[in-house]
């Protein structure tokens, strides 16, 4: 099972190119972990949490 910290590599290894800078990457990690905590620390949703967090962080960056 992949951890939150391994998700970017897991996605990249599937042929999806992702360009993330360290600051947005850290924001995504933090938000993904918040989603994991909200779910009650239930495993198996790492990719879903990462992608949702990434979308939210990108949306906030566009709105700023």
PDB file of N, CA and C in Angstrom:
ATOM      1  N   UNK A   1       0.840  -1.174   0.000  1.00  0.00           N
ATOM      2  CA  UNK A   1       0.000   0.000   0.000  1.00  0.00           C
ATOM      3  C   UNK A   1       0.888   1.241   0.000  1.00  0.00           C
ATOM      4  N   UNK A   2       0.518   2.218  -0.778  1.00  0.00           N
ATOM      5  CA  UNK A   2       1.290   3.457  -0.872  1.00  0.00           C
ATOM      6  C   UNK A   2       0.913   4.397   0.269  1.00  0.00           C
ATOM      7  N   UNK A   3       1.897   5.108   0.749  1.00  0.00           N
ATOM      8  CA  UNK A   3       1.631   6.128   1.751  1.00  0.00           C
ATOM      9  C   UNK A   3       1.402   7.453   1.045  1.00  0.00           C
ATOM     10  N   UNK A   4       0.895   8.436   1.768  1.00  0.00           N
ATOM     11  CA  UNK A   4       0.666   9.768   1.212  1.00  0.00           C
ATOM     12  C   UNK A   4       1.948  10.309   0.577  1.00  0.00           C
ATOM     13  N   UNK A   5       3.082  10.044   1.191  1.00  0.00           N
ATOM     14  CA  UNK A   5       4.342  10.571   0.689  1.00  0.00           C
ATOM     15  C   UNK A   5       4.785   9.900  -0.598  1.00  0.00           C
ATOM     16  N   UNK A   6       4.269   8.711  -0.897  1.00  0.00           N
ATOM     17  CA  UNK A   6       4.660   7.979  -2.088  1.00  0.00           C
ATOM     18  C   UNK A   6       3.732   8.223  -3.271  1.00  0.00           C
ATOM     19  N   UNK A   7       2.620   8.878  -3.048  1.00  0.00           N
ATOM     20  CA  UNK A   7       1.626   9.047  -4.111  1.00  0.00           C
ATOM     21  C   UNK A   7       2.186   9.764  -5.343  1.00  0.00           C
ATOM     22  N   UNK A   8       2.923  10.880  -5.205  1.00  0.00           N
ATOM     23  CA  UNK A   8       3.418  11.523  -6.422  1.00  0.00           C
ATOM     24  C   UNK A   8       4.231  10.576  -7.292  1.00  0.00           C
ATOM     25  N   UNK A   9       5.070   9.743  -6.685  1.00  0.00           N
ATOM     26  CA  UNK A   9       5.856   8.787  -7.447  1.00  0.00           C
ATOM     27  C   UNK A   9       4.970   7.712  -8.058  1.00  0.00           C
ATOM     28  N   UNK A  10       3.969   7.273  -7.340  1.00  0.00           N
ATOM     29  CA  UNK A  10       3.067   6.254  -7.856  1.00  0.00           C
ATOM     30  C   UNK A  10       2.323   6.772  -9.071  1.00  0.00           C
ATOM     31  N   UNK A  11       1.878   8.016  -9.010  1.00  0.00           N
ATOM     32  CA  UNK A  11       1.162   8.601 -10.142  1.00  0.00           C
ATOM     33  C   UNK A  11       2.120   8.783 -11.308  1.00  0.00           C
ATOM     34  N   UNK A  12       3.319   9.284 -11.048  1.00  0.00           N
ATOM     35  CA  UNK A  12       4.309   9.502 -12.101  1.00  0.00           C
ATOM     36  C   UNK A  12       4.681   8.185 -12.764  1.00  0.00           C
ATOM     37  N   UNK A  13       4.749   7.121 -11.986  1.00  0.00           N
ATOM     38  CA  UNK A  13       5.109   5.817 -12.544  1.00  0.00           C
ATOM     39  C   UNK A  13       4.011   5.250 -13.436  1.00  0.00           C
ATOM     40  N   UNK A  14       2.838   5.793 -13.375  1.00  0.00           N
ATOM     41  CA  UNK A  14       1.747   5.341 -14.239  1.00  0.00           C
ATOM     42  C   UNK A  14       1.755   6.108 -15.557  1.00  0.00           C
ATOM     43  N   UNK A  15       2.784   6.906 -15.792  1.00  0.00           N
ATOM     44  CA  UNK A  15       2.892   7.620 -17.047  1.00  0.00           C
ATOM     45  C   UNK A  15       2.287   9.010 -17.014  1.00  0.00           C
ATOM     46  N   UNK A  16       1.820   9.459 -15.887  1.00  0.00           N
ATOM     47  CA  UNK A  16       1.255  10.794 -15.770  1.00  0.00           C
ATOM     48  C   UNK A  16       2.355  11.726 -15.302  1.00  0.00           C
ATOM     49  N   UNK A  17       2.633  12.755 -16.093  1.00  0.00           N
ATOM     50  CA  UNK A  17       3.670  13.697 -15.703  1.00  0.00           C
ATOM     51  C   UNK A  17       3.071  14.762 -14.811  1.00  0.00           C
ATOM     52  N   UNK A  18       3.712  14.988 -13.684  1.00  0.00           N
ATOM     53  CA  UNK A  18       3.256  15.994 -12.741  1.00  0.00           C
ATOM     54  C   UNK A  18       4.426  16.889 -12.411  1.00  0.00           C
ATOM     55  N   UNK A  19       4.247  18.169 -12.589  1.00  0.00           N
ATOM     56  CA  UNK A  19       5.263  19.114 -12.184  1.00  0.00           C
ATOM     57  C   UNK A  19       4.794  19.789 -10.917  1.00  0.00           C
ATOM     58  N   UNK A  20       5.490  19.528  -9.840  1.00  0.00           N
ATOM     59  CA  UNK A  20       5.136  20.124  -8.563  1.00  0.00           C
ATOM     60  C   UNK A  20       6.358  20.790  -7.976  1.00  0.00           C
ATOM     61  N   UNK A  21       6.197  21.974  -7.497  1.00  0.00           N
ATOM     62  CA  UNK A  21       7.269  22.643  -6.787  1.00  0.00           C
ATOM     63  C   UNK A  21       7.127  22.300  -5.316  1.00  0.00           C
ATOM     64  N   UNK A  22       8.168  22.501  -4.558  1.00  0.00           N
ATOM     65  CA  UNK A  22       8.168  22.046  -3.174  1.00  0.00           C
ATOM     66  C   UNK A  22       7.061  22.667  -2.329  1.00  0.00           C
ATOM     67  N   UNK A  23       6.781  23.951  -2.490  1.00  0.00           N
ATOM     68  CA  UNK A  23       5.748  24.578  -1.659  1.00  0.00           C
ATOM     69  C   UNK A  23       4.355  24.018  -1.962  1.00  0.00           C
ATOM     70  N   UNK A  24       3.930  23.989  -3.225  1.00  0.00           N
ATOM     71  CA  UNK A  24       2.615  23.376  -3.489  1.00  0.00           C
ATOM     72  C   UNK A  24       2.580  21.901  -3.104  1.00  0.00           C
ATOM     73  N   UNK A  25       3.690  21.205  -3.321  1.00  0.00           N
ATOM     74  CA  UNK A  25       3.756  19.789  -2.966  1.00  0.00           C
ATOM     75  C   UNK A  25       3.515  19.597  -1.474  1.00  0.00           C
ATOM     76  N   UNK A  26       4.111  20.441  -0.653  1.00  0.00           N
ATOM     77  CA  UNK A  26       3.922  20.347   0.798  1.00  0.00           C
ATOM     78  C   UNK A  26       2.475  20.673   1.169  1.00  0.00           C
ATOM     79  N   UNK A  27       1.886  21.639   0.510  1.00  0.00           N
ATOM     80  CA  UNK A  27       0.478  21.983   0.767  1.00  0.00           C
ATOM     81  C   UNK A  27      -0.432  20.823   0.407  1.00  0.00           C
ATOM     82  N   UNK A  28      -0.112  20.158  -0.688  1.00  0.00           N
ATOM     83  CA  UNK A  28      -0.908  19.001  -1.114  1.00  0.00           C
ATOM     84  C   UNK A  28      -0.759  17.879  -0.100  1.00  0.00           C
ATOM     85  N   UNK A  29       0.455  17.625   0.345  1.00  0.00           N
ATOM     86  CA  UNK A  29       0.681  16.569   1.352  1.00  0.00           C
ATOM     87  C   UNK A  29      -0.126  16.838   2.618  1.00  0.00           C
ATOM     88  N   UNK A  30      -0.065  18.079   3.082  1.00  0.00           N
ATOM     89  CA  UNK A  30      -0.787  18.426   4.310  1.00  0.00           C
ATOM     90  C   UNK A  30      -2.294  18.240   4.127  1.00  0.00           C
ATOM     91  N   UNK A  31      -2.819  18.711   3.006  1.00  0.00           N
ATOM     92  CA  UNK A  31      -4.265  18.589   2.769  1.00  0.00           C
ATOM     93  C   UNK A  31      -4.670  17.128   2.595  1.00  0.00           C
ATOM     94  N   UNK A  32      -3.857  16.357   1.897  1.00  0.00           N
ATOM     95  CA  UNK A  32      -4.161  14.934   1.716  1.00  0.00           C
ATOM     96  C   UNK A  32      -4.191  14.223   3.062  1.00  0.00           C
ATOM     97  N   UNK A  33      -3.269  14.588   3.947  1.00  0.00           N
ATOM     98  CA  UNK A  33      -3.258  13.977   5.274  1.00  0.00           C
ATOM     99  C   UNK A  33      -4.487  14.397   6.077  1.00  0.00           C
ATOM    100  N   UNK A  34      -4.915  15.647   5.924  1.00  0.00           N
ATOM    101  CA  UNK A  34      -6.142  16.095   6.596  1.00  0.00           C
ATOM    102  C   UNK A  34      -7.339  15.265   6.133  1.00  0.00           C
ATOM    103  N   UNK A  35      -7.409  14.990   4.845  1.00  0.00           N
ATOM    104  CA  UNK A  35      -8.502  14.172   4.312  1.00  0.00           C
ATOM    105  C   UNK A  35      -8.445  12.758   4.898  1.00  0.00           C
ATOM    106  N   UNK A  36      -7.240  12.215   5.000  1.00  0.00           N
ATOM    107  CA  UNK A  36      -7.036  10.896   5.603  1.00  0.00           C
ATOM    108  C   UNK A  36      -7.510  10.898   7.058  1.00  0.00           C
ATOM    109  N   UNK A  37      -7.168  11.944   7.798  1.00  0.00           N
ATOM    110  CA  UNK A  37      -7.601  12.049   9.189  1.00  0.00           C
ATOM    111  C   UNK A  37      -9.124  12.161   9.278  1.00  0.00           C
ATOM    112  N   UNK A  38      -9.720  12.945   8.392  1.00  0.00           N
ATOM    113  CA  UNK A  38     -11.175  13.111   8.400  1.00  0.00           C
ATOM    114  C   UNK A  38     -11.884  11.795   8.141  1.00  0.00           C
ATOM    115  N   UNK A  39     -11.254  10.912   7.378  1.00  0.00           N
ATOM    116  CA  UNK A  39     -11.832   9.619   7.072  1.00  0.00           C
ATOM    117  C   UNK A  39     -11.635   8.649   8.230  1.00  0.00           C
ATOM    118  N   UNK A  40     -10.936   9.067   9.272  1.00  0.00           N
ATOM    119  CA  UNK A  40     -10.708   8.198  10.424  1.00  0.00           C
ATOM    120  C   UNK A  40      -9.509   7.292  10.255  1.00  0.00           C
ATOM    121  N   UNK A  41      -8.514   7.751   9.498  1.00  0.00           N
ATOM    122  CA  UNK A  41      -7.262   7.018   9.286  1.00  0.00           C
ATOM    123  C   UNK A  41      -7.499   5.681   8.592  1.00  0.00           C
ATOM    124  N   UNK A  42      -8.501   5.620   7.739  1.00  0.00           N
ATOM    125  CA  UNK A  42      -8.791   4.393   6.992  1.00  0.00           C
ATOM    126  C   UNK A  42      -7.921   4.369   5.744  1.00  0.00           C
ATOM    127  N   UNK A  43      -7.133   3.298   5.588  1.00  0.00           N
ATOM    128  CA  UNK A  43      -6.240   3.149   4.443  1.00  0.00           C
ATOM    129  C   UNK A  43      -7.024   2.789   3.180  1.00  0.00           C
ATOM    130  N   UNK A  44      -6.342   2.928   2.062  1.00  0.00           N
ATOM    131  CA  UNK A  44      -6.917   2.507   0.786  1.00  0.00           C
ATOM    132  C   UNK A  44      -7.438   3.643  -0.073  1.00  0.00           C
ATOM    133  N   UNK A  45      -7.310   4.881   0.394  1.00  0.00           N
ATOM    134  CA  UNK A  45      -7.814   6.026  -0.358  1.00  0.00           C
ATOM    135  C   UNK A  45      -6.713   7.046  -0.635  1.00  0.00           C
ATOM    136  N   UNK A  46      -5.470   6.594  -0.627  1.00  0.00           N
ATOM    137  CA  UNK A  46      -4.339   7.499  -0.748  1.00  0.00           C
ATOM    138  C   UNK A  46      -4.375   8.305  -2.043  1.00  0.00           C
ATOM    139  N   UNK A  47      -4.586   7.630  -3.152  1.00  0.00           N
ATOM    140  CA  UNK A  47      -4.602   8.320  -4.440  1.00  0.00           C
ATOM    141  C   UNK A  47      -5.773   9.289  -4.516  1.00  0.00           C
ATOM    142  N   UNK A  48      -6.931   8.849  -4.078  1.00  0.00           N
ATOM    143  CA  UNK A  48      -8.117   9.710  -4.051  1.00  0.00           C
ATOM    144  C   UNK A  48      -7.853  10.970  -3.209  1.00  0.00           C
ATOM    145  N   UNK A  49      -7.278  10.783  -2.026  1.00  0.00           N
ATOM    146  CA  UNK A  49      -6.972  11.917  -1.153  1.00  0.00           C
ATOM    147  C   UNK A  49      -5.966  12.853  -1.810  1.00  0.00           C
ATOM    148  N   UNK A  50      -4.927  12.265  -2.422  1.00  0.00           N
ATOM    149  CA  UNK A  50      -3.900  13.086  -3.063  1.00  0.00           C
ATOM    150  C   UNK A  50      -4.503  13.917  -4.200  1.00  0.00           C
ATOM    151  N   UNK A  51      -5.279  13.277  -5.046  1.00  0.00           N
ATOM    152  CA  UNK A  51      -5.847  13.987  -6.195  1.00  0.00           C
ATOM    153  C   UNK A  51      -6.836  15.073  -5.765  1.00  0.00           C
ATOM    154  N   UNK A  52      -7.625  14.789  -4.737  1.00  0.00           N
ATOM    155  CA  UNK A  52      -8.545  15.812  -4.227  1.00  0.00           C
ATOM    156  C   UNK A  52      -7.757  16.975  -3.640  1.00  0.00           C
ATOM    157  N   UNK A  53      -6.731  16.664  -2.862  1.00  0.00           N
ATOM    158  CA  UNK A  53      -5.909  17.714  -2.257  1.00  0.00           C
ATOM    159  C   UNK A  53      -5.210  18.537  -3.335  1.00  0.00           C
ATOM    160  N   UNK A  54      -4.710  17.884  -4.348  1.00  0.00           N
ATOM    161  CA  UNK A  54      -4.035  18.575  -5.445  1.00  0.00           C
ATOM    162  C   UNK A  54      -4.998  19.534  -6.150  1.00  0.00           C
ATOM    163  N   UNK A  55      -6.206  19.067  -6.419  1.00  0.00           N
ATOM    164  CA  UNK A  55      -7.207  19.917  -7.069  1.00  0.00           C
ATOM    165  C   UNK A  55      -7.544  21.122  -6.199  1.00  0.00           C
ATOM    166  N   UNK A  56      -7.701  20.901  -4.902  1.00  0.00           N
ATOM    167  CA  UNK A  56      -8.021  22.005  -3.992  1.00  0.00           C
ATOM    168  C   UNK A  56      -6.894  23.030  -3.918  1.00  0.00           C
ATOM    169  N   UNK A  57      -5.657  22.560  -3.845  1.00  0.00           N
ATOM    170  CA  UNK A  57      -4.504  23.465  -3.770  1.00  0.00           C
ATOM    171  C   UNK A  57      -4.381  24.264  -5.064  1.00  0.00           C
ATOM    172  N   UNK A  58      -4.559  23.605  -6.194  1.00  0.00           N
ATOM    173  CA  UNK A  58      -4.483  24.309  -7.485  1.00  0.00           C
ATOM    174  C   UNK A  58      -5.596  25.331  -7.611  1.00  0.00           C
ATOM    175  N   UNK A  59      -6.790  24.981  -7.152  1.00  0.00           N
ATOM    176  CA  UNK A  59      -7.928  25.902  -7.202  1.00  0.00           C
ATOM    177  C   UNK A  59      -7.644  27.135  -6.349  1.00  0.00           C
ATOM    178  N   UNK A  60      -7.078  26.934  -5.177  1.00  0.00           N
ATOM    179  CA  UNK A  60      -6.742  28.058  -4.300  1.00  0.00           C
ATOM    180  C   UNK A  60      -5.679  28.945  -4.943  1.00  0.00           C
ATOM    181  N   UNK A  61      -4.723  28.340  -5.642  1.00  0.00           N
ATOM    182  CA  UNK A  61      -3.657  29.108  -6.289  1.00  0.00           C
ATOM    183  C   UNK A  61      -4.226  29.967  -7.415  1.00  0.00           C
ATOM    184  N   UNK A  62      -5.185  29.450  -8.153  1.00  0.00           N
ATOM    185  CA  UNK A  62      -5.810  30.203  -9.237  1.00  0.00           C
ATOM    186  C   UNK A  62      -6.653  31.340  -8.683  1.00  0.00           C
ATOM    187  N   UNK A  63      -7.327  31.096  -7.570  1.00  0.00           N
ATOM    188  CA  UNK A  63      -8.197  32.102  -6.963  1.00  0.00           C
ATOM    189  C   UNK A  63      -7.396  33.238  -6.323  1.00  0.00           C
ATOM    190  N   UNK A  64      -6.153  32.965  -5.984  1.00  0.00           N
ATOM    191  CA  UNK A  64      -5.335  33.980  -5.289  1.00  0.00           C
ATOM    192  C   UNK A  64      -4.817  35.048  -6.210  1.00  0.00           C
TER     193      UNK A  64
END
